[in-house]
Amino acid sequence: MSSNYYQFFVRQIRKPLINKTQSQLPEDAVLPISFKRYNSSHTIWASEDDEEIDISQPPVLTAKETITKVPRAELLSDRRASTVLMSEVLSRMDVPERKQKVILKDIFQVLESTTTELPIHVGINRITFRLGYIRDRSNEMIQRVTNESMATYEARPIPASKSFIKDLERVSLDDSDNVKESCVICMECFEVGVQAIRLPCSHFFHEECSVQWLMTSHLCPLCRYPMPCEED
């Protein structure tokens, strides 16, 4: 039994340009909008003795496209044309129409509030969940199950508790060892000075990526370490 679930983020790196404010941005300022589509999977195989094999595959980039030539002012002044333009990109990436509306709303919010000319990143991750059942617990069967392609499971992920999300540990990345890596949620590289979240399992993620992820799943996207959730 399987189903697909979509996660997404819309963010702009918080790195203001010197002496640039929102009102000072030139009318012809172009803010590239980078769209990236990922596929990931999560499978739980259950056995007769109630043991479980939990198999996850990290996000894999499957499509990317960037809008680079439309000025920010034009995107905001002609929302109908802008919506059509961005919807066409999302449709080419097989993003359902019902999800597009929410993503477009967030893009316009970033466009309206931005104070920089830095790119806007839009990431869409289609997570496939699956629940399977195995009678044979032999190593050969377990290996075969592990190697199978992932589909999905009907149950929605359990979000982390609101109090946990509110009290997340925020750190400024000034350690060269940390900035060499990428955030596995959005697949973008860390930059020195950017504020990040450090989860209890010691993995780092962008602040906005972490919050959006934990609002839908209480598991670390890298190691599946469980965070406190509303059911706890």
C-alpha atoms as a PDB file:
ATOM      1  CA  MET A   1       0.000   0.000   0.000  1.00  0.00           C
ATOM      2  CA  SER A   2       1.591   3.271  -1.042  1.00  0.00           C
ATOM      3  CA  SER A   3       1.006   7.013  -1.451  1.00  0.00           C
ATOM      4  CA  ASN A   4       2.901  10.165  -2.313  1.00  0.00           C
ATOM      5  CA  TYR A   5       3.384  13.171  -0.074  1.00  0.00           C
ATOM      6  CA  TYR A   6       4.874  16.505  -1.095  1.00  0.00           C
ATOM      7  CA  GLN A   7       7.139  18.725   0.971  1.00  0.00           C
ATOM      8  CA  PHE A   8       8.373  22.060  -0.274  1.00  0.00           C
ATOM      9  CA  PHE A   9      10.321  25.124   0.790  1.00  0.00           C
ATOM     10  CA  VAL A  10      10.704  28.637  -0.592  1.00  0.00           C
ATOM     11  CA  ARG A  11      13.640  30.582   0.789  1.00  0.00           C
ATOM     12  CA  GLN A  12      16.169  33.275   0.096  1.00  0.00           C
ATOM     13  CA  ILE A  13      19.529  33.222   1.855  1.00  0.00           C
ATOM     14  CA  ARG A  14      19.516  35.927   4.526  1.00  0.00           C
ATOM     15  CA  LYS A  15      22.555  37.884   3.441  1.00  0.00           C
ATOM     16  CA  PRO A  16      21.539  41.565   2.882  1.00  0.00           C
ATOM     17  CA  LEU A  17      23.559  43.621   0.463  1.00  0.00           C
ATOM     18  CA  ILE A  18      25.339  46.683   1.879  1.00  0.00           C
ATOM     19  CA  ASN A  19      23.259  49.878   1.644  1.00  0.00           C
ATOM     20  CA  LYS A  20      20.392  48.063  -0.110  1.00  0.00           C
ATOM     21  CA  THR A  21      16.867  48.153   1.265  1.00  0.00           C
ATOM     22  CA  GLN A  22      13.629  46.994  -0.255  1.00  0.00           C
ATOM     23  CA  SER A  23      12.696  50.542  -1.310  1.00  0.00           C
ATOM     24  CA  GLN A  24      16.127  51.061  -2.865  1.00  0.00           C
ATOM     25  CA  LEU A  25      16.050  48.011  -5.097  1.00  0.00           C
ATOM     26  CA  PRO A  26      16.075  49.153  -8.728  1.00  0.00           C
ATOM     27  CA  GLU A  27      12.881  48.656 -10.731  1.00  0.00           C
ATOM     28  CA  ASP A  28      14.683  46.379 -13.164  1.00  0.00           C
ATOM     29  CA  ALA A  29      16.249  44.212 -10.435  1.00  0.00           C
ATOM     30  CA  VAL A  30      16.054  40.563 -11.440  1.00  0.00           C
ATOM     31  CA  LEU A  31      15.845  37.953  -8.673  1.00  0.00           C
ATOM     32  CA  PRO A  32      16.452  34.517 -10.233  1.00  0.00           C
ATOM     33  CA  ILE A  33      13.938  31.927  -9.050  1.00  0.00           C
ATOM     34  CA  SER A  34      15.492  28.471  -8.979  1.00  0.00           C
ATOM     35  CA  PHE A  35      13.097  25.484  -8.993  1.00  0.00           C
ATOM     36  CA  LYS A  36      14.382  22.049  -8.017  1.00  0.00           C
ATOM     37  CA  ARG A  37      12.362  18.837  -7.855  1.00  0.00           C
ATOM     38  CA  TYR A  38      13.494  15.874  -5.724  1.00  0.00           C
ATOM     39  CA  ASN A  39      12.273  12.336  -5.145  1.00  0.00           C
ATOM     40  CA  SER A  40      12.812  10.474  -1.883  1.00  0.00           C
ATOM     41  CA  SER A  41      11.248   7.424  -0.295  1.00  0.00           C
ATOM     42  CA  HIS A  42      10.455   5.873   3.044  1.00  0.00           C
ATOM     43  CA  THR A  43       9.460   2.218   3.439  1.00  0.00           C
ATOM     44  CA  ILE A  44       8.524   0.197   6.508  1.00  0.00           C
ATOM     45  CA  TRP A  45       8.563  -3.587   6.129  1.00  0.00           C
ATOM     46  CA  ALA A  46       6.763  -5.458   8.915  1.00  0.00           C
ATOM     47  CA  SER A  47       7.182  -9.143   9.826  1.00  0.00           C
ATOM     48  CA  GLU A  48       4.976 -11.734  11.518  1.00  0.00           C
ATOM     49  CA  ASP A  49       6.731 -11.155  14.866  1.00  0.00           C
ATOM     50  CA  ASP A  50       6.056  -7.396  14.685  1.00  0.00           C
ATOM     51  CA  GLU A  51       9.653  -6.521  13.916  1.00  0.00           C
ATOM     52  CA  GLU A  52      10.163  -3.707  11.433  1.00  0.00           C
ATOM     53  CA  ILE A  53      12.750  -2.892   8.794  1.00  0.00           C
ATOM     54  CA  ASP A  54      12.822   0.846   8.182  1.00  0.00           C
ATOM     55  CA  ILE A  55      14.394   1.798   4.843  1.00  0.00           C
ATOM     56  CA  SER A  56      14.791   5.376   3.663  1.00  0.00           C
ATOM     57  CA  GLN A  57      16.355   6.932   0.592  1.00  0.00           C
ATOM     58  CA  PRO A  58      17.546  10.582   0.736  1.00  0.00           C
ATOM     59  CA  PRO A  59      16.256  13.151  -1.771  1.00  0.00           C
ATOM     60  CA  VAL A  60      17.532  12.743  -5.323  1.00  0.00           C
ATOM     61  CA  LEU A  61      17.440  15.705  -7.707  1.00  0.00           C
ATOM     62  CA  THR A  62      15.241  14.806 -10.714  1.00  0.00           C
ATOM     63  CA  ALA A  63      14.591  18.174 -12.393  1.00  0.00           C
ATOM     64  CA  LYS A  64      15.661  21.798 -12.159  1.00  0.00           C
ATOM     65  CA  GLU A  65      14.742  25.027 -13.931  1.00  0.00           C
ATOM     66  CA  THR A  66      15.414  28.725 -13.301  1.00  0.00           C
ATOM     67  CA  ILE A  67      13.493  31.870 -14.190  1.00  0.00           C
ATOM     68  CA  THR A  68      16.233  34.429 -14.801  1.00  0.00           C
ATOM     69  CA  LYS A  69      15.014  37.237 -17.076  1.00  0.00           C
ATOM     70  CA  VAL A  70      11.852  38.655 -15.484  1.00  0.00           C
ATOM     71  CA  PRO A  71      12.347  41.736 -13.235  1.00  0.00           C
ATOM     72  CA  ARG A  72      11.011  41.500  -9.710  1.00  0.00           C
ATOM     73  CA  ALA A  73       8.752  44.537 -10.230  1.00  0.00           C
ATOM     74  CA  GLU A  74       7.153  42.882 -13.258  1.00  0.00           C
ATOM     75  CA  LEU A  75       6.570  39.633 -11.380  1.00  0.00           C
ATOM     76  CA  LEU A  76       4.718  41.548  -8.672  1.00  0.00           C
ATOM     77  CA  SER A  77       2.787  43.965 -10.889  1.00  0.00           C
ATOM     78  CA  ASP A  78       1.372  41.331 -13.243  1.00  0.00           C
ATOM     79  CA  ARG A  79       0.571  38.454 -10.926  1.00  0.00           C
ATOM     80  CA  ARG A  80      -1.641  36.671 -13.401  1.00  0.00           C
ATOM     81  CA  ALA A  81       1.140  36.385 -15.971  1.00  0.00           C
ATOM     82  CA  SER A  82       3.667  35.543 -13.241  1.00  0.00           C
ATOM     83  CA  THR A  83       1.395  32.807 -11.880  1.00  0.00           C
ATOM     84  CA  VAL A  84       1.043  31.275 -15.349  1.00  0.00           C
ATOM     85  CA  LEU A  85       4.811  31.433 -15.888  1.00  0.00           C
ATOM     86  CA  MET A  86       5.680  29.738 -12.590  1.00  0.00           C
ATOM     87  CA  SER A  87       2.807  27.242 -12.836  1.00  0.00           C
ATOM     88  CA  GLU A  88       4.153  26.084 -16.186  1.00  0.00           C
ATOM     89  CA  VAL A  89       7.523  25.392 -14.564  1.00  0.00           C
ATOM     90  CA  LEU A  90       5.902  23.467 -11.703  1.00  0.00           C
ATOM     91  CA  SER A  91       3.695  21.501 -14.106  1.00  0.00           C
ATOM     92  CA  ARG A  92       6.740  20.437 -16.099  1.00  0.00           C
ATOM     93  CA  MET A  93       8.080  19.086 -12.817  1.00  0.00           C
ATOM     94  CA  ASP A  94       4.846  17.105 -12.249  1.00  0.00           C
ATOM     95  CA  VAL A  95       3.827  19.105  -9.182  1.00  0.00           C
ATOM     96  CA  PRO A  96       0.052  18.707  -8.574  1.00  0.00           C
ATOM     97  CA  GLU A  97      -2.031  21.844  -9.119  1.00  0.00           C
ATOM     98  CA  ARG A  98      -3.337  21.802  -5.534  1.00  0.00           C
ATOM     99  CA  LYS A  99       0.259  22.037  -4.294  1.00  0.00           C
ATOM    100  CA  GLN A 100       1.199  24.738  -6.778  1.00  0.00           C
ATOM    101  CA  LYS A 101      -1.160  27.286  -5.210  1.00  0.00           C
ATOM    102  CA  VAL A 102       0.563  27.052  -1.830  1.00  0.00           C
ATOM    103  CA  ILE A 103       4.045  27.190  -3.371  1.00  0.00           C
ATOM    104  CA  LEU A 104       3.150  30.236  -5.500  1.00  0.00           C
ATOM    105  CA  LYS A 105       1.733  32.029  -2.473  1.00  0.00           C
ATOM    106  CA  ASP A 106       5.036  31.562  -0.618  1.00  0.00           C
ATOM    107  CA  ILE A 107       7.045  32.742  -3.647  1.00  0.00           C
ATOM    108  CA  PHE A 108       5.070  35.980  -3.845  1.00  0.00           C
ATOM    109  CA  GLN A 109       5.506  36.510  -0.088  1.00  0.00           C
ATOM    110  CA  VAL A 110       9.284  36.242  -0.482  1.00  0.00           C
ATOM    111  CA  LEU A 111       9.242  38.560  -3.500  1.00  0.00           C
ATOM    112  CA  GLU A 112       7.277  41.167  -1.543  1.00  0.00           C
ATOM    113  CA  SER A 113       9.428  41.047   1.584  1.00  0.00           C
ATOM    114  CA  THR A 114      12.919  40.629   0.145  1.00  0.00           C
ATOM    115  CA  THR A 115      15.570  43.289   0.754  1.00  0.00           C
ATOM    116  CA  THR A 116      18.253  41.734  -1.461  1.00  0.00           C
ATOM    117  CA  GLU A 117      18.866  40.763  -5.067  1.00  0.00           C
ATOM    118  CA  LEU A 118      19.880  37.226  -4.104  1.00  0.00           C
ATOM    119  CA  PRO A 119      18.261  34.211  -5.802  1.00  0.00           C
ATOM    120  CA  ILE A 120      15.082  32.629  -4.480  1.00  0.00           C
ATOM    121  CA  HIS A 121      15.244  28.852  -4.081  1.00  0.00           C
ATOM    122  CA  VAL A 122      12.153  26.679  -4.475  1.00  0.00           C
ATOM    123  CA  GLY A 123      12.536  23.009  -3.594  1.00  0.00           C
ATOM    124  CA  ILE A 124       9.860  20.347  -4.004  1.00  0.00           C
ATOM    125  CA  ASN A 125      10.392  16.876  -2.571  1.00  0.00           C
ATOM    126  CA  ARG A 126       7.982  14.070  -3.460  1.00  0.00           C
ATOM    127  CA  ILE A 127       8.223  11.509  -0.677  1.00  0.00           C
ATOM    128  CA  THR A 128       6.917   8.054  -1.446  1.00  0.00           C
ATOM    129  CA  PHE A 129       5.760   6.067   1.595  1.00  0.00           C
ATOM    130  CA  ARG A 130       5.152   2.359   1.594  1.00  0.00           C
ATOM    131  CA  LEU A 131       4.096  -0.310   4.068  1.00  0.00           C
ATOM    132  CA  GLY A 132       5.168  -3.845   3.188  1.00  0.00           C
ATOM    133  CA  TYR A 133       4.964  -7.254   4.841  1.00  0.00           C
ATOM    134  CA  ILE A 134       7.545 -10.059   4.879  1.00  0.00           C
ATOM    135  CA  ARG A 135       7.050 -13.621   6.110  1.00  0.00           C
ATOM    136  CA  ASP A 136      10.560 -14.812   5.324  1.00  0.00           C
ATOM    137  CA  ARG A 137      13.098 -13.283   7.776  1.00  0.00           C
ATOM    138  CA  SER A 138      16.146 -14.843   6.095  1.00  0.00           C
ATOM    139  CA  ASN A 139      19.082 -12.611   5.257  1.00  0.00           C
ATOM    140  CA  GLU A 140      18.522 -13.236   1.554  1.00  0.00           C
ATOM    141  CA  MET A 141      14.921 -12.013   1.731  1.00  0.00           C
ATOM    142  CA  ILE A 142      15.836  -8.982   3.846  1.00  0.00           C
ATOM    143  CA  GLN A 143      18.553  -8.059   1.359  1.00  0.00           C
ATOM    144  CA  ARG A 144      16.125  -8.400  -1.548  1.00  0.00           C
ATOM    145  CA  VAL A 145      13.585  -6.227   0.237  1.00  0.00           C
ATOM    146  CA  THR A 146      16.260  -3.631   1.009  1.00  0.00           C
ATOM    147  CA  ASN A 147      17.235  -3.435  -2.655  1.00  0.00           C
ATOM    148  CA  GLU A 148      13.700  -3.033  -3.959  1.00  0.00           C
ATOM    149  CA  SER A 149      12.644   0.310  -5.387  1.00  0.00           C
ATOM    150  CA  MET A 150      10.674   2.436  -2.929  1.00  0.00           C
ATOM    151  CA  ALA A 151       7.008   3.284  -3.162  1.00  0.00           C
ATOM    152  CA  THR A 152       4.914   4.731  -0.313  1.00  0.00           C
ATOM    153  CA  TYR A 153       2.859   4.328   2.734  1.00  0.00           C
ATOM    154  CA  GLU A 154      -0.632   5.760   3.367  1.00  0.00           C
ATOM    155  CA  ALA A 155       0.085   7.269   6.776  1.00  0.00           C
ATOM    156  CA  ARG A 156       1.193  10.898   6.907  1.00  0.00           C
ATOM    157  CA  PRO A 157       4.412  11.677   8.756  1.00  0.00           C
ATOM    158  CA  ILE A 158       4.006  12.795  12.375  1.00  0.00           C
ATOM    159  CA  PRO A 159       5.186  16.406  12.912  1.00  0.00           C
ATOM    160  CA  ALA A 160       7.494  17.420  15.724  1.00  0.00           C
ATOM    161  CA  SER A 161       5.901  19.213  18.655  1.00  0.00           C
ATOM    162  CA  LYS A 162       5.424  22.978  18.361  1.00  0.00           C
ATOM    163  CA  SER A 163       7.325  23.561  21.591  1.00  0.00           C
ATOM    164  CA  PHE A 164      10.306  21.592  20.259  1.00  0.00           C
ATOM    165  CA  ILE A 165      10.308  23.555  16.994  1.00  0.00           C
ATOM    166  CA  LYS A 166      10.107  26.835  18.920  1.00  0.00           C
ATOM    167  CA  ASP A 167      13.145  25.918  21.046  1.00  0.00           C
ATOM    168  CA  LEU A 168      15.350  24.592  18.235  1.00  0.00           C
ATOM    169  CA  GLU A 169      19.064  25.214  18.720  1.00  0.00           C
ATOM    170  CA  ARG A 170      20.155  27.967  16.340  1.00  0.00           C
ATOM    171  CA  VAL A 171      23.810  28.380  15.482  1.00  0.00           C
ATOM    172  CA  SER A 172      25.817  30.636  13.194  1.00  0.00           C
ATOM    173  CA  LEU A 173      27.933  28.613  10.810  1.00  0.00           C
ATOM    174  CA  ASP A 174      31.445  29.957  11.087  1.00  0.00           C
ATOM    175  CA  ASP A 175      33.185  26.583  11.255  1.00  0.00           C
ATOM    176  CA  SER A 176      34.781  25.698   7.916  1.00  0.00           C
ATOM    177  CA  ASP A 177      34.042  22.009   8.534  1.00  0.00           C
ATOM    178  CA  ASN A 178      30.302  22.744   8.630  1.00  0.00           C
ATOM    179  CA  VAL A 179      30.120  25.018   5.595  1.00  0.00           C
ATOM    180  CA  LYS A 180      31.812  22.426   3.403  1.00  0.00           C
ATOM    181  CA  GLU A 181      28.609  20.375   3.566  1.00  0.00           C
ATOM    182  CA  SER A 182      25.145  20.860   2.079  1.00  0.00           C
ATOM    183  CA  CYS A 183      21.710  20.975   3.675  1.00  0.00           C
ATOM    184  CA  VAL A 184      20.164  17.639   2.656  1.00  0.00           C
ATOM    185  CA  ILE A 185      16.656  19.138   2.699  1.00  0.00           C
ATOM    186  CA  CYS A 186      17.233  21.757  -0.005  1.00  0.00           C
ATOM    187  CA  MET A 187      20.564  20.381  -1.284  1.00  0.00           C
ATOM    188  CA  GLU A 188      22.066  23.899  -1.200  1.00  0.00           C
ATOM    189  CA  CYS A 189      25.536  24.503   0.266  1.00  0.00           C
ATOM    190  CA  PHE A 190      25.928  26.222   3.630  1.00  0.00           C
ATOM    191  CA  GLU A 191      27.569  29.634   3.697  1.00  0.00           C
ATOM    192  CA  VAL A 192      29.711  31.157   6.434  1.00  0.00           C
ATOM    193  CA  GLY A 193      27.600  33.321   8.732  1.00  0.00           C
ATOM    194  CA  VAL A 194      24.257  31.782   7.773  1.00  0.00           C
ATOM    195  CA  GLN A 195      22.058  30.823  10.728  1.00  0.00           C
ATOM    196  CA  ALA A 196      21.372  27.100  10.868  1.00  0.00           C
ATOM    197  CA  ILE A 197      19.607  24.589  13.078  1.00  0.00           C
ATOM    198  CA  ARG A 198      21.470  21.856  14.939  1.00  0.00           C
ATOM    199  CA  LEU A 199      19.193  18.939  15.810  1.00  0.00           C
ATOM    200  CA  PRO A 200      19.809  16.731  18.874  1.00  0.00           C
ATOM    201  CA  CYS A 201      21.456  14.179  16.562  1.00  0.00           C
ATOM    202  CA  SER A 202      24.053  16.883  15.736  1.00  0.00           C
ATOM    203  CA  HIS A 203      23.041  17.240  12.072  1.00  0.00           C
ATOM    204  CA  PHE A 204      22.854  20.769  10.616  1.00  0.00           C
ATOM    205  CA  PHE A 205      20.185  22.176   8.301  1.00  0.00           C
ATOM    206  CA  HIS A 206      19.130  25.626   7.128  1.00  0.00           C
ATOM    207  CA  GLU A 207      16.814  27.260   9.655  1.00  0.00           C
ATOM    208  CA  GLU A 208      13.834  27.652   7.317  1.00  0.00           C
ATOM    209  CA  CYS A 209      14.326  24.166   5.855  1.00  0.00           C
ATOM    210  CA  SER A 210      14.409  22.623   9.358  1.00  0.00           C
ATOM    211  CA  VAL A 211      11.231  24.348  10.527  1.00  0.00           C
ATOM    212  CA  GLN A 212       9.256  23.378   7.414  1.00  0.00           C
ATOM    213  CA  TRP A 213      10.522  19.790   7.603  1.00  0.00           C
ATOM    214  CA  LEU A 214       9.730  19.368  11.317  1.00  0.00           C
ATOM    215  CA  MET A 215       6.243  20.783  10.836  1.00  0.00           C
ATOM    216  CA  THR A 216       5.476  17.652   8.807  1.00  0.00           C
ATOM    217  CA  SER A 217       7.914  15.031  10.118  1.00  0.00           C
ATOM    218  CA  HIS A 218       9.483  14.483  13.534  1.00  0.00           C
ATOM    219  CA  LEU A 219      12.352  12.419  12.075  1.00  0.00           C
ATOM    220  CA  CYS A 220      15.739  13.822  11.153  1.00  0.00           C
ATOM    221  CA  PRO A 221      15.839  13.817   7.322  1.00  0.00           C
ATOM    222  CA  LEU A 222      19.377  12.432   7.402  1.00  0.00           C
ATOM    223  CA  CYS A 223      19.515   9.758  10.112  1.00  0.00           C
ATOM    224  CA  ARG A 224      15.786   9.366  11.037  1.00  0.00           C
ATOM    225  CA  TYR A 225      16.513  10.264  14.680  1.00  0.00           C
ATOM    226  CA  PRO A 226      13.081  10.891  16.299  1.00  0.00           C
ATOM    227  CA  MET A 227      12.313  14.327  17.741  1.00  0.00           C
ATOM    228  CA  PRO A 228       9.587  14.977  20.369  1.00  0.00           C
ATOM    229  CA  CYS A 229       6.176  14.965  18.689  1.00  0.00           C
ATOM    230  CA  GLU A 230       2.626  15.849  19.665  1.00  0.00           C
ATOM    231  CA  GLU A 231       1.836  12.212  20.399  1.00  0.00           C
ATOM    232  CA  ASP A 232       4.618  11.965  23.008  1.00  0.00           C
END
